[in-house]
């Protein structure tokens, strides 16, 4: 999971890893079921929530944490790993 955000200190990238799990089926009247997944975080949920930047995060399959941290360093973006 990754989310680019900004604060008083400049740009930051919130980065976390975890496992994707299917969403339980549900039915909402008049609405199709949207694409989604549950994510079981590898780290502590409270640590993730302390840095939560939005309800929208980019998700990729595979562990690309080190590559994203390296990219952040090259672009002068503060990586925040939780």
C-alpha atoms as a PDB file:
ATOM      1  CA  UNK A   1       0.000   0.000   0.000  1.00  0.00           C
ATOM      2  CA  UNK A   2       1.253   3.511  -0.700  1.00  0.00           C
ATOM      3  CA  UNK A   3      -0.161   7.018  -0.537  1.00  0.00           C
ATOM      4  CA  UNK A   4       1.525  10.289  -1.484  1.00  0.00           C
ATOM      5  CA  UNK A   5       0.547  13.186   0.768  1.00  0.00           C
ATOM      6  CA  UNK A   6       1.922  16.480   2.016  1.00  0.00           C
ATOM      7  CA  UNK A   7       2.262  18.152   5.381  1.00  0.00           C
ATOM      8  CA  UNK A   8       4.156  21.119   6.862  1.00  0.00           C
ATOM      9  CA  UNK A   9       7.442  19.324   6.205  1.00  0.00           C
ATOM     10  CA  UNK A  10       6.758  18.679   2.491  1.00  0.00           C
ATOM     11  CA  UNK A  11       5.817  15.554   0.583  1.00  0.00           C
ATOM     12  CA  UNK A  12       5.691  12.158   2.237  1.00  0.00           C
ATOM     13  CA  UNK A  13       4.854   8.653   1.041  1.00  0.00           C
ATOM     14  CA  UNK A  14       3.020   6.413   3.497  1.00  0.00           C
ATOM     15  CA  UNK A  15       4.091   2.825   2.763  1.00  0.00           C
ATOM     16  CA  UNK A  16       2.850  -0.434   4.284  1.00  0.00           C
ATOM     17  CA  UNK A  17       2.851  -4.109   3.350  1.00  0.00           C
ATOM     18  CA  UNK A  18       0.270  -6.796   3.940  1.00  0.00           C
ATOM     19  CA  UNK A  19      -1.756  -9.595   2.407  1.00  0.00           C
ATOM     20  CA  UNK A  20      -4.830  -9.060   0.213  1.00  0.00           C
ATOM     21  CA  UNK A  21      -7.925 -11.089   1.078  1.00  0.00           C
ATOM     22  CA  UNK A  22     -11.294 -11.254  -0.727  1.00  0.00           C
ATOM     23  CA  UNK A  23     -14.132  -9.087   0.512  1.00  0.00           C
ATOM     24  CA  UNK A  24     -17.187 -10.857   1.907  1.00  0.00           C
ATOM     25  CA  UNK A  25     -20.162 -10.743  -0.451  1.00  0.00           C
ATOM     26  CA  UNK A  26     -22.770  -8.116   0.353  1.00  0.00           C
ATOM     27  CA  UNK A  27     -25.848  -6.703  -1.327  1.00  0.00           C
ATOM     28  CA  UNK A  28     -26.802  -3.059  -1.218  1.00  0.00           C
ATOM     29  CA  UNK A  29     -30.138  -2.237  -2.846  1.00  0.00           C
ATOM     30  CA  UNK A  30     -29.616  -0.634  -6.235  1.00  0.00           C
ATOM     31  CA  UNK A  31     -25.815  -0.712  -6.072  1.00  0.00           C
ATOM     32  CA  UNK A  32     -23.465  -3.210  -7.670  1.00  0.00           C
ATOM     33  CA  UNK A  33     -20.723  -4.719  -5.550  1.00  0.00           C
ATOM     34  CA  UNK A  34     -17.606  -2.657  -6.085  1.00  0.00           C
ATOM     35  CA  UNK A  35     -14.156  -4.079  -6.584  1.00  0.00           C
ATOM     36  CA  UNK A  36     -12.302  -4.237  -3.312  1.00  0.00           C
ATOM     37  CA  UNK A  37     -10.284  -6.314  -0.913  1.00  0.00           C
ATOM     38  CA  UNK A  38      -9.481  -6.636   2.762  1.00  0.00           C
ATOM     39  CA  UNK A  39      -5.850  -6.037   3.640  1.00  0.00           C
ATOM     40  CA  UNK A  40      -4.211  -7.788   6.571  1.00  0.00           C
ATOM     41  CA  UNK A  41      -1.310  -5.491   7.462  1.00  0.00           C
ATOM     42  CA  UNK A  42       2.113  -6.928   8.246  1.00  0.00           C
ATOM     43  CA  UNK A  43       2.705  -4.142  10.772  1.00  0.00           C
ATOM     44  CA  UNK A  44       0.692  -2.778  13.675  1.00  0.00           C
ATOM     45  CA  UNK A  45      -2.711  -1.335  12.759  1.00  0.00           C
ATOM     46  CA  UNK A  46      -2.286   1.540  15.242  1.00  0.00           C
ATOM     47  CA  UNK A  47       1.028   2.528  13.647  1.00  0.00           C
ATOM     48  CA  UNK A  48      -0.637   2.517  10.218  1.00  0.00           C
ATOM     49  CA  UNK A  49      -3.530   4.640  11.482  1.00  0.00           C
ATOM     50  CA  UNK A  50      -1.144   7.228  12.959  1.00  0.00           C
ATOM     51  CA  UNK A  51       0.044   7.994   9.413  1.00  0.00           C
ATOM     52  CA  UNK A  52      -3.226   7.449   7.512  1.00  0.00           C
ATOM     53  CA  UNK A  53      -3.292   9.952   4.652  1.00  0.00           C
ATOM     54  CA  UNK A  54      -6.649   9.164   3.008  1.00  0.00           C
ATOM     55  CA  UNK A  55      -9.150   6.399   2.407  1.00  0.00           C
ATOM     56  CA  UNK A  56      -7.537   5.821  -1.018  1.00  0.00           C
ATOM     57  CA  UNK A  57      -4.204   4.011  -1.346  1.00  0.00           C
ATOM     58  CA  UNK A  58      -2.407   2.540  -4.355  1.00  0.00           C
ATOM     59  CA  UNK A  59      -2.013  -1.227  -4.131  1.00  0.00           C
ATOM     60  CA  UNK A  60       0.452  -3.457  -5.971  1.00  0.00           C
ATOM     61  CA  UNK A  61       0.983  -7.190  -5.759  1.00  0.00           C
ATOM     62  CA  UNK A  62       4.397  -8.156  -4.439  1.00  0.00           C
ATOM     63  CA  UNK A  63       6.658  -6.565  -1.844  1.00  0.00           C
ATOM     64  CA  UNK A  64       7.984  -3.381  -3.465  1.00  0.00           C
ATOM     65  CA  UNK A  65       8.631  -1.535  -0.208  1.00  0.00           C
ATOM     66  CA  UNK A  66      12.389  -1.173  -0.713  1.00  0.00           C
ATOM     67  CA  UNK A  67      11.960   0.022  -4.304  1.00  0.00           C
ATOM     68  CA  UNK A  68       9.365   2.615  -3.264  1.00  0.00           C
ATOM     69  CA  UNK A  69      11.592   3.846  -0.417  1.00  0.00           C
ATOM     70  CA  UNK A  70      14.506   4.175  -2.865  1.00  0.00           C
ATOM     71  CA  UNK A  71      12.308   6.112  -5.314  1.00  0.00           C
ATOM     72  CA  UNK A  72      11.207   8.435  -2.502  1.00  0.00           C
ATOM     73  CA  UNK A  73      14.828   9.134  -1.610  1.00  0.00           C
ATOM     74  CA  UNK A  74      15.659   9.943  -5.243  1.00  0.00           C
ATOM     75  CA  UNK A  75      12.672  12.322  -5.469  1.00  0.00           C
ATOM     76  CA  UNK A  76      13.247  13.972  -2.054  1.00  0.00           C
ATOM     77  CA  UNK A  77       9.990  12.538  -0.707  1.00  0.00           C
ATOM     78  CA  UNK A  78       9.969  11.504   2.957  1.00  0.00           C
ATOM     79  CA  UNK A  79       9.141   7.768   3.191  1.00  0.00           C
ATOM     80  CA  UNK A  80       6.957   6.811   6.169  1.00  0.00           C
ATOM     81  CA  UNK A  81       6.905   3.025   6.582  1.00  0.00           C
ATOM     82  CA  UNK A  82       4.387   1.463   8.948  1.00  0.00           C
END
